[in-house]
Amino acid sequence: YTGTIIGALILTVLTTLLTILQMPEGARRILFGLIVLFVTAAYLRIIEDR
């Protein structure tokens, strides 16, 4: 569960930062999508190495 909690905290902080910087909603969604893809790819690579 630790990874889930850390991930949620990171996304919450990122959301707050992007809101403060007044980034458009569409750009935020694209950025979050890229983050999810990157983390998923990294996770799959870690699992394959085991």
PDB file of N, CA and C in Angstrom:
ATOM      1  N   TYR A   1       0.801  -1.209   0.000  1.00  0.00           N
ATOM      2  CA  TYR A   1       0.000   0.000   0.000  1.00  0.00           C
ATOM      3  C   TYR A   1       0.845   1.276   0.000  1.00  0.00           C
ATOM      4  N   THR A   2       2.076   1.142   0.379  1.00  0.00           N
ATOM      5  CA  THR A   2       2.944   2.316   0.488  1.00  0.00           C
ATOM      6  C   THR A   2       3.088   3.031  -0.844  1.00  0.00           C
ATOM      7  N   GLY A   3       3.288   2.268  -1.911  1.00  0.00           N
ATOM      8  CA  GLY A   3       3.431   2.868  -3.234  1.00  0.00           C
ATOM      9  C   GLY A   3       2.184   3.625  -3.660  1.00  0.00           C
ATOM     10  N   THR A   4       1.031   3.089  -3.327  1.00  0.00           N
ATOM     11  CA  THR A   4      -0.232   3.747  -3.671  1.00  0.00           C
ATOM     12  C   THR A   4      -0.375   5.075  -2.935  1.00  0.00           C
ATOM     13  N   ILE A   5      -0.031   5.071  -1.668  1.00  0.00           N
ATOM     14  CA  ILE A   5      -0.131   6.298  -0.873  1.00  0.00           C
ATOM     15  C   ILE A   5       0.846   7.353  -1.385  1.00  0.00           C
ATOM     16  N   ILE A   6       2.071   6.946  -1.666  1.00  0.00           N
ATOM     17  CA  ILE A   6       3.065   7.888  -2.186  1.00  0.00           C
ATOM     18  C   ILE A   6       2.628   8.432  -3.539  1.00  0.00           C
ATOM     19  N   GLY A   7       2.115   7.564  -4.402  1.00  0.00           N
ATOM     20  CA  GLY A   7       1.636   8.005  -5.713  1.00  0.00           C
ATOM     21  C   GLY A   7       0.495   9.002  -5.602  1.00  0.00           C
ATOM     22  N   ALA A   8      -0.429   8.733  -4.691  1.00  0.00           N
ATOM     23  CA  ALA A   8      -1.554   9.656  -4.493  1.00  0.00           C
ATOM     24  C   ALA A   8      -1.070  11.007  -3.975  1.00  0.00           C
ATOM     25  N   LEU A   9      -0.108  10.993  -3.073  1.00  0.00           N
ATOM     26  CA  LEU A   9       0.443  12.248  -2.556  1.00  0.00           C
ATOM     27  C   LEU A   9       1.156  13.035  -3.651  1.00  0.00           C
ATOM     28  N   ILE A  10       1.917  12.341  -4.484  1.00  0.00           N
ATOM     29  CA  ILE A  10       2.625  13.013  -5.578  1.00  0.00           C
ATOM     30  C   ILE A  10       1.632  13.645  -6.542  1.00  0.00           C
ATOM     31  N   LEU A  11       0.588  12.912  -6.916  1.00  0.00           N
ATOM     32  CA  LEU A  11      -0.403  13.464  -7.839  1.00  0.00           C
ATOM     33  C   LEU A  11      -1.167  14.635  -7.218  1.00  0.00           C
ATOM     34  N   THR A  12      -1.420  14.574  -5.921  1.00  0.00           N
ATOM     35  CA  THR A  12      -2.103  15.676  -5.248  1.00  0.00           C
ATOM     36  C   THR A  12      -1.233  16.932  -5.239  1.00  0.00           C
ATOM     37  N   VAL A  13       0.041  16.763  -4.920  1.00  0.00           N
ATOM     38  CA  VAL A  13       0.960  17.906  -4.925  1.00  0.00           C
ATOM     39  C   VAL A  13       1.095  18.464  -6.334  1.00  0.00           C
ATOM     40  N   LEU A  14       1.193  17.581  -7.321  1.00  0.00           N
ATOM     41  CA  LEU A  14       1.308  18.025  -8.714  1.00  0.00           C
ATOM     42  C   LEU A  14       0.057  18.789  -9.146  1.00  0.00           C
ATOM     43  N   THR A  15      -1.107  18.301  -8.763  1.00  0.00           N
ATOM     44  CA  THR A  15      -2.356  18.992  -9.086  1.00  0.00           C
ATOM     45  C   THR A  15      -2.367  20.392  -8.486  1.00  0.00           C
ATOM     46  N   THR A  16      -1.954  20.499  -7.237  1.00  0.00           N
ATOM     47  CA  THR A  16      -1.914  21.800  -6.575  1.00  0.00           C
ATOM     48  C   THR A  16      -0.933  22.741  -7.270  1.00  0.00           C
ATOM     49  N   LEU A  17       0.250  22.234  -7.598  1.00  0.00           N
ATOM     50  CA  LEU A  17       1.249  23.053  -8.284  1.00  0.00           C
ATOM     51  C   LEU A  17       0.753  23.549  -9.633  1.00  0.00           C
ATOM     52  N   LEU A  18       0.154  22.646 -10.398  1.00  0.00           N
ATOM     53  CA  LEU A  18      -0.316  23.027 -11.724  1.00  0.00           C
ATOM     54  C   LEU A  18      -1.482  24.009 -11.639  1.00  0.00           C
ATOM     55  N   THR A  19      -2.288  23.901 -10.595  1.00  0.00           N
ATOM     56  CA  THR A  19      -3.373  24.861 -10.393  1.00  0.00           C
ATOM     57  C   THR A  19      -2.802  26.238 -10.059  1.00  0.00           C
ATOM     58  N   ILE A  20      -1.795  26.261  -9.197  1.00  0.00           N
ATOM     59  CA  ILE A  20      -1.152  27.533  -8.845  1.00  0.00           C
ATOM     60  C   ILE A  20      -0.526  28.171 -10.082  1.00  0.00           C
ATOM     61  N   LEU A  21       0.066  27.345 -10.955  1.00  0.00           N
ATOM     62  CA  LEU A  21       0.698  27.856 -12.173  1.00  0.00           C
ATOM     63  C   LEU A  21      -0.315  28.156 -13.273  1.00  0.00           C
ATOM     64  N   GLN A  22      -1.595  27.911 -12.993  1.00  0.00           N
ATOM     65  CA  GLN A  22      -2.702  28.182 -13.916  1.00  0.00           C
ATOM     66  C   GLN A  22      -2.563  27.430 -15.242  1.00  0.00           C
ATOM     67  N   MET A  23      -2.150  26.173 -15.159  1.00  0.00           N
ATOM     68  CA  MET A  23      -2.062  25.340 -16.351  1.00  0.00           C
ATOM     69  C   MET A  23      -3.476  24.928 -16.761  1.00  0.00           C
ATOM     70  N   PRO A  24      -3.794  24.968 -18.048  1.00  0.00           N
ATOM     71  CA  PRO A  24      -5.134  24.580 -18.504  1.00  0.00           C
ATOM     72  C   PRO A  24      -5.458  23.119 -18.154  1.00  0.00           C
ATOM     73  N   GLU A  25      -6.744  22.854 -17.978  1.00  0.00           N
ATOM     74  CA  GLU A  25      -7.203  21.511 -17.596  1.00  0.00           C
ATOM     75  C   GLU A  25      -6.762  20.456 -18.603  1.00  0.00           C
ATOM     76  N   GLY A  26      -6.848  20.761 -19.883  1.00  0.00           N
ATOM     77  CA  GLY A  26      -6.447  19.801 -20.911  1.00  0.00           C
ATOM     78  C   GLY A  26      -4.983  19.419 -20.801  1.00  0.00           C
ATOM     79  N   ALA A  27      -4.141  20.383 -20.556  1.00  0.00           N
ATOM     80  CA  ALA A  27      -2.707  20.115 -20.405  1.00  0.00           C
ATOM     81  C   ALA A  27      -2.441  19.275 -19.159  1.00  0.00           C
ATOM     82  N   ARG A  28      -3.201  19.544 -18.094  1.00  0.00           N
ATOM     83  CA  ARG A  28      -3.046  18.744 -16.869  1.00  0.00           C
ATOM     84  C   ARG A  28      -3.399  17.287 -17.121  1.00  0.00           C
ATOM     85  N   ARG A  29      -4.482  17.067 -17.841  1.00  0.00           N
ATOM     86  CA  ARG A  29      -4.900  15.686 -18.127  1.00  0.00           C
ATOM     87  C   ARG A  29      -3.872  14.961 -18.980  1.00  0.00           C
ATOM     88  N   ILE A  30      -3.315  15.665 -19.964  1.00  0.00           N
ATOM     89  CA  ILE A  30      -2.277  15.066 -20.801  1.00  0.00           C
ATOM     90  C   ILE A  30      -1.061  14.713 -19.949  1.00  0.00           C
ATOM     91  N   LEU A  31      -0.653  15.617 -19.075  1.00  0.00           N
ATOM     92  CA  LEU A  31       0.495  15.374 -18.208  1.00  0.00           C
ATOM     93  C   LEU A  31       0.247  14.181 -17.291  1.00  0.00           C
ATOM     94  N   PHE A  32      -0.934  14.100 -16.696  1.00  0.00           N
ATOM     95  CA  PHE A  32      -1.253  12.964 -15.834  1.00  0.00           C
ATOM     96  C   PHE A  32      -1.255  11.657 -16.619  1.00  0.00           C
ATOM     97  N   GLY A  33      -1.777  11.686 -17.836  1.00  0.00           N
ATOM     98  CA  GLY A  33      -1.763  10.496 -18.681  1.00  0.00           C
ATOM     99  C   GLY A  33      -0.352  10.038 -18.977  1.00  0.00           C
ATOM    100  N   LEU A  34       0.529  10.977 -19.276  1.00  0.00           N
ATOM    101  CA  LEU A  34       1.930  10.637 -19.537  1.00  0.00           C
ATOM    102  C   LEU A  34       2.604  10.063 -18.293  1.00  0.00           C
ATOM    103  N   ILE A  35       2.276  10.618 -17.142  1.00  0.00           N
ATOM    104  CA  ILE A  35       2.845  10.098 -15.895  1.00  0.00           C
ATOM    105  C   ILE A  35       2.383   8.668 -15.654  1.00  0.00           C
ATOM    106  N   VAL A  36       1.098   8.404 -15.858  1.00  0.00           N
ATOM    107  CA  VAL A  36       0.567   7.048 -15.662  1.00  0.00           C
ATOM    108  C   VAL A  36       1.234   6.072 -16.628  1.00  0.00           C
ATOM    109  N   LEU A  37       1.401   6.466 -17.887  1.00  0.00           N
ATOM    110  CA  LEU A  37       2.074   5.600 -18.861  1.00  0.00           C
ATOM    111  C   LEU A  37       3.519   5.332 -18.460  1.00  0.00           C
ATOM    112  N   PHE A  38       4.229   6.357 -18.026  1.00  0.00           N
ATOM    113  CA  PHE A  38       5.622   6.208 -17.627  1.00  0.00           C
ATOM    114  C   PHE A  38       5.761   5.277 -16.423  1.00  0.00           C
ATOM    115  N   VAL A  39       4.919   5.482 -15.416  1.00  0.00           N
ATOM    116  CA  VAL A  39       4.994   4.656 -14.207  1.00  0.00           C
ATOM    117  C   VAL A  39       4.630   3.207 -14.526  1.00  0.00           C
ATOM    118  N   THR A  40       3.635   3.002 -15.378  1.00  0.00           N
ATOM    119  CA  THR A  40       3.251   1.644 -15.772  1.00  0.00           C
ATOM    120  C   THR A  40       4.384   0.955 -16.514  1.00  0.00           C
ATOM    121  N   ALA A  41       5.028   1.662 -17.442  1.00  0.00           N
ATOM    122  CA  ALA A  41       6.152   1.089 -18.182  1.00  0.00           C
ATOM    123  C   ALA A  41       7.302   0.740 -17.238  1.00  0.00           C
ATOM    124  N   ALA A  42       7.584   1.609 -16.283  1.00  0.00           N
ATOM    125  CA  ALA A  42       8.652   1.343 -15.320  1.00  0.00           C
ATOM    126  C   ALA A  42       8.311   0.133 -14.457  1.00  0.00           C
ATOM    127  N   TYR A  43       7.067   0.030 -14.035  1.00  0.00           N
ATOM    128  CA  TYR A  43       6.631  -1.101 -13.214  1.00  0.00           C
ATOM    129  C   TYR A  43       6.757  -2.414 -13.981  1.00  0.00           C
ATOM    130  N   LEU A  44       6.335  -2.411 -15.242  1.00  0.00           N
ATOM    131  CA  LEU A  44       6.437  -3.625 -16.051  1.00  0.00           C
ATOM    132  C   LEU A  44       7.890  -4.023 -16.265  1.00  0.00           C
ATOM    133  N   ARG A  45       8.756  -3.057 -16.438  1.00  0.00           N
ATOM    134  CA  ARG A  45      10.180  -3.355 -16.617  1.00  0.00           C
ATOM    135  C   ARG A  45      10.758  -3.978 -15.347  1.00  0.00           C
ATOM    136  N   ILE A  46      10.356  -3.480 -14.189  1.00  0.00           N
ATOM    137  CA  ILE A  46      10.837  -4.035 -12.918  1.00  0.00           C
ATOM    138  C   ILE A  46      10.360  -5.471 -12.762  1.00  0.00           C
ATOM    139  N   ILE A  47       9.102  -5.732 -13.106  1.00  0.00           N
ATOM    140  CA  ILE A  47       8.552  -7.084 -12.975  1.00  0.00           C
ATOM    141  C   ILE A  47       9.248  -8.056 -13.927  1.00  0.00           C
ATOM    142  N   GLU A  48       9.548  -7.614 -15.146  1.00  0.00           N
ATOM    143  CA  GLU A  48      10.212  -8.485 -16.115  1.00  0.00           C
ATOM    144  C   GLU A  48      11.615  -8.864 -15.664  1.00  0.00           C
ATOM    145  N   ASP A  49      12.285  -7.999 -14.930  1.00  0.00           N
ATOM    146  CA  ASP A  49      13.647  -8.276 -14.472  1.00  0.00           C
ATOM    147  C   ASP A  49      13.693  -9.308 -13.359  1.00  0.00           C
ATOM    148  N   ARG A  50      12.592  -9.557 -12.720  1.00  0.00           N
ATOM    149  CA  ARG A  50      12.572 -10.520 -11.608  1.00  0.00           C
ATOM    150  C   ARG A  50      12.604 -11.903 -12.085  1.00  0.00           C
TER     151      ARG A  50
END
